[in-house]
Protein backbone atom coordinates (compact mmCIF):
# COMPACT_ATOMS: atom_id res chain seq x y z
CA MET A 1 -20.00 17.42 -5.13
CA GLU A 2 -21.79 19.99 -7.22
CA ARG A 3 -19.14 19.58 -9.78
CA LEU A 4 -19.93 16.05 -10.23
CA ASP A 5 -23.88 16.77 -10.66
CA ALA A 6 -23.06 19.24 -13.32
CA LEU A 7 -20.96 16.37 -15.30
CA ARG A 8 -23.70 14.05 -14.71
CA ARG A 9 -26.28 16.42 -16.22
CA ALA A 10 -23.87 17.07 -19.24
CA ARG A 11 -23.34 13.34 -20.07
CA VAL A 12 -27.10 12.75 -20.08
CA SER A 13 -27.09 15.05 -23.25
CA ILE A 14 -24.68 13.17 -24.93
CA ALA A 15 -26.49 10.05 -26.15
CA ASP A 16 -23.77 7.41 -26.87
CA ALA A 17 -21.77 8.41 -23.66
CA HIS A 18 -25.06 8.07 -21.56
CA ALA A 19 -25.91 4.49 -23.22
CA ALA A 20 -22.61 3.37 -22.49
CA TYR A 21 -22.54 4.51 -18.91
CA GLU A 22 -26.11 3.08 -18.36
CA ALA A 23 -25.04 -0.26 -19.91
CA THR A 24 -21.63 -0.73 -17.85
CA VAL A 25 -23.21 0.28 -14.56
CA ALA A 26 -26.19 -2.24 -15.16
CA GLU A 27 -23.66 -4.95 -16.00
CA LEU A 28 -21.53 -4.12 -12.86
CA ARG A 29 -24.57 -4.28 -10.53
CA ARG A 30 -25.26 -7.79 -11.92
CA THR A 31 -21.85 -8.86 -11.00
CA PRO A 32 -21.22 -9.32 -7.21
CA PHE A 33 -17.51 -8.82 -7.60
CA LEU A 34 -17.60 -6.17 -4.77
CA ASP A 35 -18.74 -8.76 -2.48
CA ARG A 36 -14.91 -9.82 -2.42
CA ALA A 37 -13.52 -6.44 -1.94
CA LEU A 38 -11.72 -5.07 1.16
CA ARG A 39 -14.05 -4.41 4.11
CA VAL A 40 -13.76 -2.38 7.53
CA GLY A 41 -11.50 -4.35 9.48
CA ASP A 42 -9.35 -5.96 6.78
CA SER A 43 -5.80 -5.18 6.36
CA PHE A 44 -5.13 -3.06 3.61
CA PRO A 45 -2.60 -4.77 1.23
CA ASP A 46 1.04 -4.08 1.39
CA PHE A 47 2.76 -2.63 -2.00
CA LEU A 48 5.72 -1.08 -3.21
CA LEU A 49 4.66 1.22 -6.25
CA PRO A 50 6.48 4.16 -8.16
CA ASN A 51 4.98 7.68 -7.30
CA ALA A 52 4.91 10.60 -9.54
CA GLU A 53 8.40 11.34 -9.05
CA GLY A 54 9.61 7.84 -9.97
CA ARG A 55 10.34 6.82 -6.37
CA LEU A 56 9.16 3.83 -5.03
CA VAL A 57 6.69 3.97 -2.06
CA SER A 58 5.41 1.18 0.19
CA ARG A 59 2.52 0.95 2.43
CA ASP A 60 4.66 1.12 5.22
CA ASP A 61 6.17 4.33 4.17
CA LEU A 62 3.00 5.77 4.37
CA LEU A 63 1.75 4.47 7.62
CA GLY A 64 4.99 5.40 9.16
CA ARG A 65 3.37 9.17 9.07
CA GLY A 66 0.22 8.12 10.54
CA PRO A 67 -3.19 6.99 9.14
CA LEU A 68 -3.65 6.63 5.47
CA VAL A 69 -6.46 7.84 2.85
CA ALA A 70 -6.17 5.60 0.00
CA THR A 71 -8.15 6.07 -3.19
CA PHE A 72 -8.23 4.62 -6.63
CA PHE A 73 -9.10 6.66 -9.77
CA ARG A 74 -9.22 5.49 -13.60
CA GLY A 75 -6.84 8.10 -14.99
CA THR A 76 -6.06 11.40 -16.32
CA TRP A 77 -8.83 11.24 -19.10
CA CYS A 78 -11.43 10.96 -16.75
CA PRO A 79 -13.40 14.11 -15.89
CA TYR A 80 -15.07 12.55 -12.83
CA CYS A 81 -11.67 11.57 -11.42
CA ALA A 82 -10.39 15.25 -12.24
CA VAL A 83 -13.27 16.53 -9.86
CA GLN A 84 -12.11 13.97 -7.36
CA LEU A 85 -8.51 14.83 -7.32
CA ALA A 86 -9.30 18.42 -6.92
CA ALA A 87 -11.61 18.06 -4.08
CA LEU A 88 -9.09 15.87 -2.33
CA GLU A 89 -6.52 18.72 -2.80
CA GLU A 90 -8.97 21.12 -1.31
CA ALA A 91 -9.27 18.76 1.71
CA LEU A 92 -5.68 18.11 2.05
CA PRO A 93 -5.12 20.58 4.92
CA GLU A 94 -7.76 19.08 6.96
CA ILE A 95 -6.63 15.49 6.36
CA ALA A 96 -3.01 16.43 7.23
CA ALA A 97 -4.45 18.25 10.39
CA ALA A 98 -6.07 14.88 11.21
CA GLY A 99 -2.41 13.57 11.17
CA ALA A 100 -3.13 11.45 7.96
CA SER A 101 -1.49 11.42 4.69
CA LEU A 102 -3.15 10.88 1.44
CA ALA A 103 -2.42 8.67 -1.63
CA ALA A 104 -4.12 8.24 -4.93
CA PHE A 105 -3.55 5.13 -7.24
CA THR A 106 -3.81 5.11 -11.08
CA PRO A 107 -3.93 2.22 -13.38
CA GLU A 108 -2.01 4.56 -15.82
CA THR A 109 1.79 4.07 -16.55
CA GLY A 110 4.23 5.87 -18.72
CA GLY A 111 4.51 9.11 -16.58
CA ARG A 112 0.90 9.73 -16.21
CA ALA A 113 1.11 9.66 -12.47
CA ALA A 114 3.45 12.72 -12.79
CA GLU A 115 0.76 14.25 -15.34
CA ALA A 116 -2.01 14.09 -13.01
CA LYS A 117 -0.04 15.60 -9.98
CA ALA A 118 1.32 18.26 -12.21
CA ARG A 119 -2.21 19.09 -13.82
CA HIS A 120 -4.10 19.28 -10.23
CA SER A 121 -1.06 20.99 -8.59
CA ALA A 122 -1.36 17.82 -6.05
CA HIS A 123 0.42 17.86 -2.96
CA TYR A 124 -0.09 14.29 -2.16
CA GLU A 125 0.99 11.06 -3.17
CA ILE A 126 -0.30 9.98 -6.88
CA LEU A 127 1.36 6.31 -7.47
CA ALA A 128 1.14 4.16 -10.56
CA ASP A 129 -0.87 0.91 -9.90
CA VAL A 130 1.55 -0.89 -12.19
CA ASP A 131 -0.62 -4.09 -13.75
CA GLN A 132 -3.19 -3.20 -11.21
CA GLY A 133 -1.96 -5.41 -8.95
CA LEU A 134 -3.03 -3.46 -5.66
CA GLY A 135 -6.31 -2.68 -7.22
CA MET A 136 -7.12 -6.25 -7.87
CA THR A 137 -5.92 -7.43 -4.34
CA CYS A 138 -8.07 -4.92 -2.98
CA GLY A 139 -10.96 -6.41 -5.06
CA VAL A 140 -12.03 -3.06 -6.77
CA VAL A 141 -10.92 -3.87 -10.34
CA PHE A 142 -13.18 -4.94 -13.22
CA ARG A 143 -12.89 -6.03 -16.79
CA LEU A 144 -14.38 -3.14 -18.95
CA PRO A 145 -17.64 -4.11 -20.73
CA GLU A 146 -17.60 -4.01 -24.53
CA PRO A 147 -19.90 -0.87 -24.84
CA TYR A 148 -17.69 1.48 -22.87
CA ARG A 149 -14.52 0.05 -24.57
CA ARG A 150 -16.23 1.07 -27.89
CA LEU A 151 -17.00 4.30 -26.58
CA LEU A 152 -13.53 5.27 -25.25
CA LEU A 153 -12.09 4.12 -28.50
CA SER A 154 -14.24 6.23 -30.49
CA ARG A 155 -13.01 9.10 -28.25
CA GLY A 156 -9.36 8.29 -28.95
CA MET A 157 -8.80 6.69 -25.75
CA ASP A 158 -6.54 3.68 -25.76
CA LEU A 159 -6.61 2.16 -22.50
CA PRO A 160 -4.09 -0.63 -23.27
CA GLU A 161 -1.48 2.15 -24.50
CA ARG A 162 -2.26 4.20 -21.35
CA GLN A 163 -1.98 1.25 -18.84
CA GLY A 164 0.96 -0.68 -20.39
CA HIS A 165 -1.14 -3.81 -21.05
CA ALA A 166 -4.15 -5.29 -22.96
CA GLY A 167 -6.52 -6.34 -20.15
CA TRP A 168 -9.05 -3.28 -20.23
CA PHE A 169 -9.27 -3.31 -16.45
CA LEU A 170 -10.41 -0.22 -14.53
CA PRO A 171 -10.82 0.31 -10.71
CA VAL A 172 -14.34 1.39 -9.41
CA PRO A 173 -14.36 4.52 -7.46
CA ALA A 174 -12.85 3.38 -4.19
CA THR A 175 -11.44 5.05 -0.96
CA PHE A 176 -10.23 3.53 2.34
CA VAL A 177 -9.24 5.09 5.57
CA VAL A 178 -6.38 3.01 7.14
CA ASP A 179 -5.25 3.24 10.69
CA ARG A 180 -1.49 3.23 11.61
CA ASP A 181 -1.58 -0.41 12.03
CA GLY A 182 -2.82 -0.92 8.39
CA VAL A 183 -6.34 -1.87 9.10
CA VAL A 184 -9.12 -0.62 7.18
CA ARG A 185 -11.44 1.57 9.32
CA TRP A 186 -13.95 3.07 6.60
CA ALA A 187 -14.44 2.12 3.05
CA PHE A 188 -16.24 3.69 0.30
CA MET A 189 -16.88 1.68 -3.08
CA ASP A 190 -19.45 2.30 -6.02
CA VAL A 191 -19.94 0.48 -9.08
CA ASP A 192 -21.26 3.69 -10.67
CA PHE A 193 -18.04 5.97 -11.64
CA THR A 194 -19.98 9.24 -11.21
CA ARG A 195 -20.04 8.75 -7.45
CA ARG A 196 -17.15 9.41 -5.30
CA ALA A 197 -16.33 9.42 -1.56
CA GLU A 198 -17.18 12.85 -0.12
CA PRO A 199 -14.45 14.80 1.63
CA ASP A 200 -16.45 15.34 4.80
CA ASP A 201 -17.15 11.83 5.00
CA ILE A 202 -13.35 10.94 4.82
CA LEU A 203 -12.52 13.66 7.49
CA ALA A 204 -15.33 12.27 9.93
CA ALA A 205 -13.71 8.75 9.42
CA LEU A 206 -10.21 10.14 10.40
CA ALA A 207 -11.89 11.93 13.41
CA GLY A 208 -13.15 8.66 14.44
CA LEU A 209 -9.80 6.78 14.55
């Protein structure tokens, strides 16, 4: 995505942000936590989570409509997530034409799923992964290293307040294409939070179901 490339170039010019990014990605690459993450052929976990409208939505509710594209994003404060959510909205007609639905999961609570949906004029489900239980079950959640915690706090970003708990956890960028039987048929994960699943790759995975 060209918009992500522009954000990466801008980050390099901000010394403390770039240093915290480099330290965080390096530490995550030393930690093989994604070795335990969902893989193609695994069952996507069941869930029952509140959506932006405050209604509880389950995995089977979504799979009852057809295949599911499930993606995790860090929150409304993340500029890379904003680009991702906008790109998914642009791809939504093609996702729907493939018979699939789209759900984006955020660790933020306190009405921020509704904020994200309104900000991006999203016509897909945005759900609050309360206490990040789903992300942890999928194996895509990590504890934020100290350098990046300090950076966020210096920018006035209090994740414990935004998430409703003091764990300092975040999901890595992760997207799964799940068939109607709940089986993962395609997966994208990257410890580098500036990298996101490309809509064209998601659509190709749906076409292959």
